[in-house]
């Protein structure tokens, strides 16, 4: 087995593990994600994510430029990767370290959380999509698509936990702010720029 196939396979297997945890939460009564505390599911999730991240970077390094996209796509991808990283960092910086990793904390509704309930996930989606374009690799694009898929599912697994933890306060927040990005996000951003 070649190093590229090994890295790509490790990425797919670890992603499959993350999907099992997230879908297990969505389809059963067992809460695998978010852990709420440092449970075995917490350590399993972050081990799988770490393996995936390493596999993604190794696949990118070994398969860089193999897709032969136009250079403009790589440039747009680089810009999106930077934008996604900035959005992710803004969201992560607002939370405490444990909360960023799924441990229950406070309900945040200000800063980036006034525009989207999941700024870190929005940043991940934009960033990993941009990374795939910048790297110009079909294998990296496939891993990025798998990653985006699980990131889209994560909030759906987290929301019952947040409703149970924060009750009416979370319900009011969820009615006011979109899960990802919507017209309300754009209106708030424009109003914030004007005021």
Protein backbone atom coordinates (compact mmCIF):
# COMPACT_ATOMS: atom_id res chain seq x y z
CA UNK A 1 0.00 0.00 0.00
CA UNK A 2 1.36 3.41 -0.97
CA UNK A 3 1.76 6.18 1.63
CA UNK A 4 -0.96 8.24 -0.09
CA UNK A 5 -3.45 5.36 0.08
CA UNK A 6 -2.49 4.67 3.68
CA UNK A 7 -3.03 8.30 4.71
CA UNK A 8 -6.26 8.59 2.72
CA UNK A 9 -7.55 5.30 4.18
CA UNK A 10 -6.71 6.43 7.72
CA UNK A 11 -8.67 9.63 7.05
CA UNK A 12 -11.71 7.72 5.81
CA UNK A 13 -11.63 5.22 8.69
CA UNK A 14 -11.31 7.90 11.37
CA UNK A 15 -14.09 9.92 9.72
CA UNK A 16 -16.28 6.81 9.73
CA UNK A 17 -15.69 6.56 13.48
CA UNK A 18 -16.78 10.18 13.97
CA UNK A 19 -19.91 9.50 11.90
CA UNK A 20 -20.71 6.48 14.09
CA UNK A 21 -20.52 8.66 17.23
CA UNK A 22 -22.58 11.50 15.76
CA UNK A 23 -25.18 9.30 14.07
CA UNK A 24 -25.35 7.12 17.19
CA UNK A 25 -26.33 10.25 19.11
CA UNK A 26 -28.88 11.31 16.49
CA UNK A 27 -30.50 7.90 16.00
CA UNK A 28 -30.47 6.46 19.52
CA UNK A 29 -31.10 7.63 23.07
CA UNK A 30 -27.39 7.50 23.89
CA UNK A 31 -25.51 10.80 23.90
CA UNK A 32 -22.09 10.18 22.35
CA UNK A 33 -21.70 13.80 21.24
CA UNK A 34 -21.38 16.28 22.79
CA UNK A 35 -19.91 14.51 25.76
CA UNK A 36 -20.86 17.26 28.21
CA UNK A 37 -17.91 16.08 30.28
CA UNK A 38 -14.64 14.22 29.76
CA UNK A 39 -16.18 10.82 29.08
CA UNK A 40 -14.74 7.90 27.07
CA UNK A 41 -16.75 9.25 24.10
CA UNK A 42 -14.93 12.58 24.48
CA UNK A 43 -11.52 10.90 24.23
CA UNK A 44 -12.63 8.63 21.40
CA UNK A 45 -14.06 11.55 19.41
CA UNK A 46 -10.94 13.69 19.74
CA UNK A 47 -8.63 10.76 18.98
CA UNK A 48 -10.57 10.09 15.77
CA UNK A 49 -10.54 13.78 14.85
CA UNK A 50 -6.78 13.97 15.48
CA UNK A 51 -6.13 10.94 13.28
CA UNK A 52 -8.32 12.49 10.59
CA UNK A 53 -6.49 15.83 10.77
CA UNK A 54 -3.07 14.17 10.46
CA UNK A 55 -4.33 11.99 7.59
CA UNK A 56 -5.70 15.07 5.81
CA UNK A 57 -2.40 16.95 6.10
CA UNK A 58 -0.31 13.93 5.03
CA UNK A 59 -2.62 13.25 2.08
CA UNK A 60 -2.34 16.92 1.09
CA UNK A 61 1.46 16.85 1.29
CA UNK A 62 1.71 13.68 -0.78
CA UNK A 63 -0.93 14.54 -3.40
CA UNK A 64 -0.48 18.32 -3.74
CA UNK A 65 -1.41 19.59 -7.21
CA UNK A 66 -2.49 16.19 -8.57
CA UNK A 67 -5.95 17.42 -9.58
CA UNK A 68 -4.62 20.14 -11.94
CA UNK A 69 -7.27 22.75 -11.22
CA UNK A 70 -6.73 26.24 -12.66
CA UNK A 71 -4.42 28.38 -10.55
CA UNK A 72 -7.31 30.76 -9.84
CA UNK A 73 -9.12 27.93 -7.99
CA UNK A 74 -6.07 27.43 -5.76
CA UNK A 75 -5.91 31.17 -5.05
CA UNK A 76 -9.61 31.33 -4.18
CA UNK A 77 -9.10 28.22 -2.05
CA UNK A 78 -6.24 29.85 -0.18
CA UNK A 79 -8.38 32.91 0.56
CA UNK A 80 -11.26 30.71 1.76
CA UNK A 81 -8.89 28.69 3.95
CA UNK A 82 -7.66 31.87 5.62
CA UNK A 83 -11.20 33.25 6.02
CA UNK A 84 -12.41 29.97 7.51
CA UNK A 85 -9.48 29.88 9.92
CA UNK A 86 -10.22 33.44 11.07
CA UNK A 87 -13.92 32.68 11.63
CA UNK A 88 -13.06 29.44 13.46
CA UNK A 89 -10.49 31.19 15.67
CA UNK A 90 -12.94 34.01 16.49
CA UNK A 91 -15.54 31.46 17.59
CA UNK A 92 -13.02 29.36 19.54
CA UNK A 93 -11.49 32.40 21.24
CA UNK A 94 -14.92 33.38 22.57
CA UNK A 95 -15.28 30.06 24.42
CA UNK A 96 -13.15 28.47 27.10
CA UNK A 97 -10.87 25.66 25.87
CA UNK A 98 -13.02 22.85 27.32
CA UNK A 99 -16.20 24.31 25.84
CA UNK A 100 -14.55 24.45 22.42
CA UNK A 101 -14.03 20.71 22.74
CA UNK A 102 -17.61 19.84 23.73
CA UNK A 103 -17.49 20.05 27.51
CA UNK A 104 -20.55 21.83 28.92
CA UNK A 105 -20.02 25.45 29.93
CA UNK A 106 -21.92 28.69 29.47
CA UNK A 107 -24.34 29.71 26.73
CA UNK A 108 -22.62 32.30 24.54
CA UNK A 109 -24.79 34.63 22.48
CA UNK A 110 -22.45 37.55 21.79
CA UNK A 111 -19.50 38.11 19.47
CA UNK A 112 -19.59 35.66 16.56
CA UNK A 113 -22.41 33.79 18.31
CA UNK A 114 -24.71 36.75 17.62
CA UNK A 115 -24.46 35.93 13.89
CA UNK A 116 -24.44 32.13 13.90
CA UNK A 117 -24.96 29.55 16.62
CA UNK A 118 -21.96 27.64 15.26
CA UNK A 119 -19.19 30.02 14.12
CA UNK A 120 -16.51 27.38 14.59
CA UNK A 121 -18.38 24.98 12.32
CA UNK A 122 -18.96 27.70 9.73
CA UNK A 123 -15.22 28.40 9.86
CA UNK A 124 -14.42 24.70 9.48
CA UNK A 125 -16.71 24.32 6.46
CA UNK A 126 -15.29 27.36 4.69
CA UNK A 127 -11.72 26.59 5.73
CA UNK A 128 -11.57 22.91 4.79
CA UNK A 129 -13.31 23.62 1.48
CA UNK A 130 -10.76 26.32 0.73
CA UNK A 131 -7.92 24.03 1.82
CA UNK A 132 -9.08 21.35 -0.63
CA UNK A 133 -9.13 23.88 -3.48
CA UNK A 134 -5.74 25.31 -2.51
CA UNK A 135 -4.13 21.86 -2.32
CA UNK A 136 -5.63 20.92 -5.70
CA UNK A 137 -6.11 17.23 -4.86
CA UNK A 138 -9.14 15.05 -5.53
CA UNK A 139 -8.23 12.89 -2.51
CA UNK A 140 -8.09 15.93 -0.23
CA UNK A 141 -11.39 17.14 -1.73
CA UNK A 142 -12.96 13.77 -0.88
CA UNK A 143 -11.69 13.97 2.72
CA UNK A 144 -12.88 17.59 2.92
CA UNK A 145 -16.35 16.56 1.76
CA UNK A 146 -16.49 13.84 4.42
CA UNK A 147 -15.40 16.40 7.02
CA UNK A 148 -18.00 18.95 5.93
CA UNK A 149 -20.66 16.24 6.17
CA UNK A 150 -19.92 15.44 9.80
CA UNK A 151 -19.62 19.13 10.70
CA UNK A 152 -23.11 19.71 9.29
CA UNK A 153 -24.42 16.90 11.52
CA UNK A 154 -22.64 17.97 14.74
CA UNK A 155 -25.00 20.83 15.70
CA UNK A 156 -28.01 18.54 15.29
CA UNK A 157 -26.42 16.16 17.79
CA UNK A 158 -25.54 19.02 20.17
CA UNK A 159 -28.84 20.89 20.19
CA UNK A 160 -30.82 18.45 22.39
CA UNK A 161 -27.99 18.66 24.94
CA UNK A 162 -28.04 22.48 24.78
CA UNK A 163 -31.84 22.57 25.12
CA UNK A 164 -31.64 20.32 28.20
CA UNK A 165 -28.78 22.36 29.68
CA UNK A 166 -30.04 25.91 29.01
CA UNK A 167 -33.80 25.49 28.49
CA UNK A 168 -35.79 28.58 27.52
CA UNK A 169 -32.66 30.72 27.12
CA UNK A 170 -31.39 28.41 24.37
CA UNK A 171 -34.82 28.27 22.72
CA UNK A 172 -34.95 32.08 22.51
CA UNK A 173 -31.41 32.16 21.17
CA UNK A 174 -32.16 29.46 18.56
CA UNK A 175 -35.19 31.39 17.31
CA UNK A 176 -33.10 34.55 16.93
CA UNK A 177 -29.85 33.22 15.44
CA UNK A 178 -29.49 30.67 12.60
CA UNK A 179 -27.72 27.34 13.05
CA UNK A 180 -25.13 28.23 10.40
CA UNK A 181 -25.57 31.30 8.20
CA UNK A 182 -28.77 32.83 6.87
CA UNK A 183 -30.40 36.12 6.00
CA UNK A 184 -30.49 37.05 9.69
CA UNK A 185 -26.70 36.61 9.78
CA UNK A 186 -26.25 38.96 6.84
CA UNK A 187 -28.67 41.55 8.26
CA UNK A 188 -26.90 41.52 11.65
CA UNK A 189 -23.49 41.87 9.98
CA UNK A 190 -24.69 44.84 7.89
CA UNK A 191 -26.32 46.46 10.93
CA UNK A 192 -23.10 45.93 12.91
CA UNK A 193 -21.06 47.65 10.17
CA UNK A 194 -23.41 50.63 10.10
CA UNK A 195 -23.68 51.06 13.85
